[in-house]
């Protein structure tokens, strides 16, 4: 599904990613964990084409995405929910969802009923402006907007940030169910370990711009040493 080989990238000549190697299997949810500044968000932006890699390959279904424009990458089947959600506050829920299918091929321009089945609060508030919604509702809207374009791979950056625990659990359960139902592949950057346990099947730990270790969630529950090794300050 997605294979990264020796990917380096950074800002203003300073490298953040130091040779990322990572492979995602179709239909799985993988969490990317690590301390602040280790390159998690930089990796997401590089996959999505918001940053151009300096070296390496980003293969999606065997096609190299490195250097392509973000809209081109999105149209190959990759969705992205950035840190901070970035919904359009002056647009209604319906208008925000419509942005998720803007520019998509004709067969992917309608909003599936499954979106509202997964996020019923959005159907109730279609005509409400996004800026008047709570942080948790905005996060659900941001995820739904990305899913509206029917991606096969979804990149989620810190979905629990600023959200109350009950909504975090709800989002985790929803994303796990969507991934199982649709065969969706998910790469989630997350610091909330409970959300990772509820949502992901395996975890990759990033340290100094490289993937330092990878383990499945079941093993991590039994032995949390990697959490202390890569998340403790």
Protein backbone atom coordinates (compact mmCIF):
# COMPACT_ATOMS: atom_id res chain seq x y z
CA UNK A 1 0.00 0.00 0.00
CA UNK A 2 2.50 2.67 1.19
CA UNK A 3 6.25 2.22 1.29
CA UNK A 4 8.79 4.85 2.32
CA UNK A 5 12.42 4.15 1.54
CA UNK A 6 15.23 6.42 2.76
CA UNK A 7 13.05 9.54 2.87
CA UNK A 8 14.80 12.72 3.97
CA UNK A 9 13.14 16.13 4.26
CA UNK A 10 13.26 19.31 6.31
CA UNK A 11 12.92 23.07 6.36
CA UNK A 12 15.29 25.75 5.08
CA UNK A 13 18.13 23.35 4.49
CA UNK A 14 17.84 21.71 7.92
CA UNK A 15 16.96 18.02 7.71
CA UNK A 16 14.31 16.69 10.06
CA UNK A 17 13.70 13.31 8.45
CA UNK A 18 17.00 11.46 8.35
CA UNK A 19 16.14 8.46 6.20
CA UNK A 20 12.66 7.18 7.01
CA UNK A 21 11.87 3.57 6.14
CA UNK A 22 8.25 2.59 6.76
CA UNK A 23 5.75 0.22 5.19
CA UNK A 24 1.97 0.20 5.71
CA UNK A 25 -0.16 -2.82 4.85
CA UNK A 26 -3.56 -2.22 3.28
CA UNK A 27 -6.44 -2.18 5.74
CA UNK A 28 -4.37 -1.65 8.90
CA UNK A 29 -4.23 1.21 11.40
CA UNK A 30 -0.67 2.17 12.33
CA UNK A 31 0.23 4.71 15.01
CA UNK A 32 3.34 6.87 14.71
CA UNK A 33 4.66 7.84 18.12
CA UNK A 34 7.61 9.87 19.38
CA UNK A 35 8.58 12.93 21.37
CA UNK A 36 7.96 16.43 20.04
CA UNK A 37 10.40 17.51 17.35
CA UNK A 38 11.24 14.00 16.14
CA UNK A 39 9.66 14.46 12.71
CA UNK A 40 6.14 13.04 12.96
CA UNK A 41 4.26 15.98 11.45
CA UNK A 42 7.09 16.57 8.98
CA UNK A 43 6.63 13.01 7.77
CA UNK A 44 2.89 13.48 7.29
CA UNK A 45 3.44 16.70 5.33
CA UNK A 46 6.07 15.02 3.18
CA UNK A 47 3.81 12.09 2.31
CA UNK A 48 1.06 14.58 1.40
CA UNK A 49 3.34 16.68 -0.80
CA UNK A 50 3.27 19.78 1.40
CA UNK A 51 7.02 19.31 1.82
CA UNK A 52 9.22 18.06 -0.99
CA UNK A 53 11.55 15.24 0.07
CA UNK A 54 15.26 15.77 -0.49
CA UNK A 55 15.84 12.07 -1.16
CA UNK A 56 14.12 8.71 -1.04
CA UNK A 57 10.96 7.18 -2.42
CA UNK A 58 7.33 7.42 -1.30
CA UNK A 59 5.53 4.60 -3.08
CA UNK A 60 1.74 4.38 -3.02
CA UNK A 61 0.48 1.27 -4.78
CA UNK A 62 3.87 1.13 -6.49
CA UNK A 63 3.72 4.71 -7.81
CA UNK A 64 6.23 7.26 -6.55
CA UNK A 65 4.48 10.22 -4.90
CA UNK A 66 7.69 12.13 -4.13
CA UNK A 67 7.57 15.61 -5.67
CA UNK A 68 3.93 15.48 -6.75
CA UNK A 69 1.51 18.28 -5.94
CA UNK A 70 -0.79 17.78 -2.91
CA UNK A 71 -3.98 17.79 -5.01
CA UNK A 72 -2.50 15.13 -7.29
CA UNK A 73 -1.56 13.00 -4.28
CA UNK A 74 -5.06 13.46 -2.83
CA UNK A 75 -6.63 12.30 -6.08
CA UNK A 76 -4.60 9.09 -6.04
CA UNK A 77 -6.46 8.12 -2.88
CA UNK A 78 -4.68 9.71 0.11
CA UNK A 79 -6.64 11.81 2.61
CA UNK A 80 -5.10 14.12 5.21
CA UNK A 81 -6.41 15.58 8.46
CA UNK A 82 -3.79 18.07 9.69
CA UNK A 83 -2.98 18.92 13.27
CA UNK A 84 -5.39 21.62 14.39
CA UNK A 85 -8.18 20.33 12.10
CA UNK A 86 -8.26 23.42 9.81
CA UNK A 87 -11.97 23.36 9.09
CA UNK A 88 -13.41 26.46 7.45
CA UNK A 89 -15.05 28.27 10.41
CA UNK A 90 -17.34 30.48 8.32
CA UNK A 91 -18.57 27.55 6.21
CA UNK A 92 -21.43 25.32 7.31
CA UNK A 93 -20.92 21.63 7.99
CA UNK A 94 -22.41 20.84 4.58
CA UNK A 95 -20.08 23.33 2.86
CA UNK A 96 -17.03 21.93 4.65
CA UNK A 97 -17.97 18.41 3.56
CA UNK A 98 -18.43 19.63 0.00
CA UNK A 99 -14.82 20.84 0.06
CA UNK A 100 -13.77 17.25 0.67
CA UNK A 101 -15.02 16.17 -2.76
CA UNK A 102 -14.05 19.33 -4.65
CA UNK A 103 -11.98 18.40 -7.69
CA UNK A 104 -12.50 14.68 -7.20
CA UNK A 105 -13.43 12.42 -10.14
CA UNK A 106 -17.13 12.45 -11.01
CA UNK A 107 -17.78 9.11 -9.30
CA UNK A 108 -16.46 10.46 -5.98
CA UNK A 109 -18.29 13.79 -5.72
CA UNK A 110 -21.33 12.72 -3.72
CA UNK A 111 -21.29 12.59 0.09
CA UNK A 112 -21.90 8.98 1.07
CA UNK A 113 -24.59 8.21 3.65
CA UNK A 114 -21.91 6.21 5.45
CA UNK A 115 -20.31 9.53 6.43
CA UNK A 116 -23.42 10.48 8.39
CA UNK A 117 -23.76 6.95 9.78
CA UNK A 118 -20.23 7.25 11.17
CA UNK A 119 -20.62 10.84 12.38
CA UNK A 120 -24.35 11.37 13.12
CA UNK A 121 -23.74 14.72 14.83
CA UNK A 122 -22.81 16.16 11.43
CA UNK A 123 -26.15 15.24 9.90
CA UNK A 124 -27.89 16.99 12.77
CA UNK A 125 -25.85 20.17 12.20
CA UNK A 126 -25.49 20.38 8.43
CA UNK A 127 -26.46 24.05 8.38
CA UNK A 128 -24.39 25.09 11.40
CA UNK A 129 -21.18 27.03 10.86
CA UNK A 130 -18.13 24.99 11.75
CA UNK A 131 -16.71 27.79 13.87
CA UNK A 132 -19.65 27.45 16.28
CA UNK A 133 -18.92 23.77 16.93
CA UNK A 134 -16.91 22.29 19.80
CA UNK A 135 -13.36 21.08 19.24
CA UNK A 136 -14.49 17.46 19.22
CA UNK A 137 -17.22 18.16 16.69
CA UNK A 138 -14.77 20.07 14.50
CA UNK A 139 -12.39 17.10 14.63
CA UNK A 140 -15.18 14.78 13.52
CA UNK A 141 -15.97 17.19 10.71
CA UNK A 142 -12.34 17.34 9.61
CA UNK A 143 -12.12 13.55 9.51
CA UNK A 144 -15.45 13.25 7.70
CA UNK A 145 -14.34 15.85 5.15
CA UNK A 146 -11.23 13.78 4.41
CA UNK A 147 -13.27 10.57 4.20
CA UNK A 148 -15.81 12.18 1.86
CA UNK A 149 -13.33 11.85 -1.01
CA UNK A 150 -13.16 8.07 -0.41
CA UNK A 151 -9.42 7.76 0.26
CA UNK A 152 -7.75 4.39 0.59
CA UNK A 153 -5.12 5.82 2.93
CA UNK A 154 -5.91 8.38 5.63
CA UNK A 155 -3.26 10.43 7.44
CA UNK A 156 -4.40 11.69 10.87
CA UNK A 157 -2.20 14.14 12.76
CA UNK A 158 -2.91 14.42 16.52
CA UNK A 159 -6.69 13.82 16.34
CA UNK A 160 -7.08 13.87 20.16
CA UNK A 161 -5.52 17.32 20.60
CA UNK A 162 -7.74 19.59 22.70
CA UNK A 163 -10.65 17.14 22.84
CA UNK A 164 -12.40 15.75 25.89
CA UNK A 165 -11.70 12.09 26.69
CA UNK A 166 -15.19 10.77 25.91
CA UNK A 167 -15.06 12.21 22.39
CA UNK A 168 -11.51 10.87 21.93
CA UNK A 169 -12.78 7.36 22.70
CA UNK A 170 -15.71 7.87 20.35
CA UNK A 171 -13.46 8.99 17.49
CA UNK A 172 -11.09 6.06 18.07
CA UNK A 173 -13.97 3.57 17.97
CA UNK A 174 -15.40 5.18 14.84
CA UNK A 175 -12.09 5.14 13.00
CA UNK A 176 -11.46 1.52 13.92
CA UNK A 177 -14.93 0.60 12.64
CA UNK A 178 -14.49 2.58 9.40
CA UNK A 179 -11.11 0.96 8.75
CA UNK A 180 -12.58 -2.50 9.26
CA UNK A 181 -15.69 -1.77 7.19
CA UNK A 182 -13.98 -0.11 4.24
CA UNK A 183 -10.54 -1.70 4.32
CA UNK A 184 -9.14 1.78 4.95
CA UNK A 185 -5.45 2.12 5.78
CA UNK A 186 -4.71 4.71 8.49
CA UNK A 187 -1.48 6.31 9.67
CA UNK A 188 -2.14 8.27 12.86
CA UNK A 189 0.28 10.53 14.73
CA UNK A 190 -0.87 10.51 18.33
CA UNK A 191 0.46 11.16 21.85
CA UNK A 192 -2.63 9.80 23.60
CA UNK A 193 -1.62 6.21 24.32
CA UNK A 194 -5.14 5.14 25.24
CA UNK A 195 -6.39 6.31 21.84
CA UNK A 196 -3.58 4.35 20.19
CA UNK A 197 -4.55 1.23 22.13
CA UNK A 198 -8.22 1.69 21.16
CA UNK A 199 -7.56 2.39 17.50
CA UNK A 200 -4.30 0.98 16.13
CA UNK A 201 -3.02 -2.49 15.36
CA UNK A 202 0.66 -1.64 15.42
CA UNK A 203 2.99 1.23 16.34
CA UNK A 204 6.10 2.74 14.81
CA UNK A 205 8.34 4.86 17.03
CA UNK A 206 10.24 7.73 15.46
CA UNK A 207 13.47 9.02 17.02
CA UNK A 208 15.67 11.74 15.52
CA UNK A 209 14.04 11.52 12.12
CA UNK A 210 14.19 7.73 11.77
CA UNK A 211 11.87 4.85 12.57
CA UNK A 212 13.69 3.33 15.52
CA UNK A 213 11.32 0.53 16.49
CA UNK A 214 8.05 -1.06 15.50
CA UNK A 215 5.74 -3.30 17.51
CA UNK A 216 2.13 -4.42 17.54
CA UNK A 217 -0.32 -3.02 20.08
CA UNK A 218 -0.87 -6.36 21.80
CA UNK A 219 2.85 -6.64 22.55
CA UNK A 220 2.95 -3.01 23.67
CA UNK A 221 0.15 -3.63 26.15
CA UNK A 222 2.14 -6.51 27.63
CA UNK A 223 5.44 -4.61 27.67
CA UNK A 224 5.30 -0.81 27.65
CA UNK A 225 9.08 -0.31 27.70
CA UNK A 226 9.06 1.30 24.22
CA UNK A 227 6.63 3.94 25.48
CA UNK A 228 9.10 4.96 28.17
CA UNK A 229 12.04 4.71 25.78
CA UNK A 230 10.61 6.95 23.06
CA UNK A 231 8.01 9.13 24.79
CA UNK A 232 9.52 9.98 28.18
CA UNK A 233 11.35 13.30 28.43
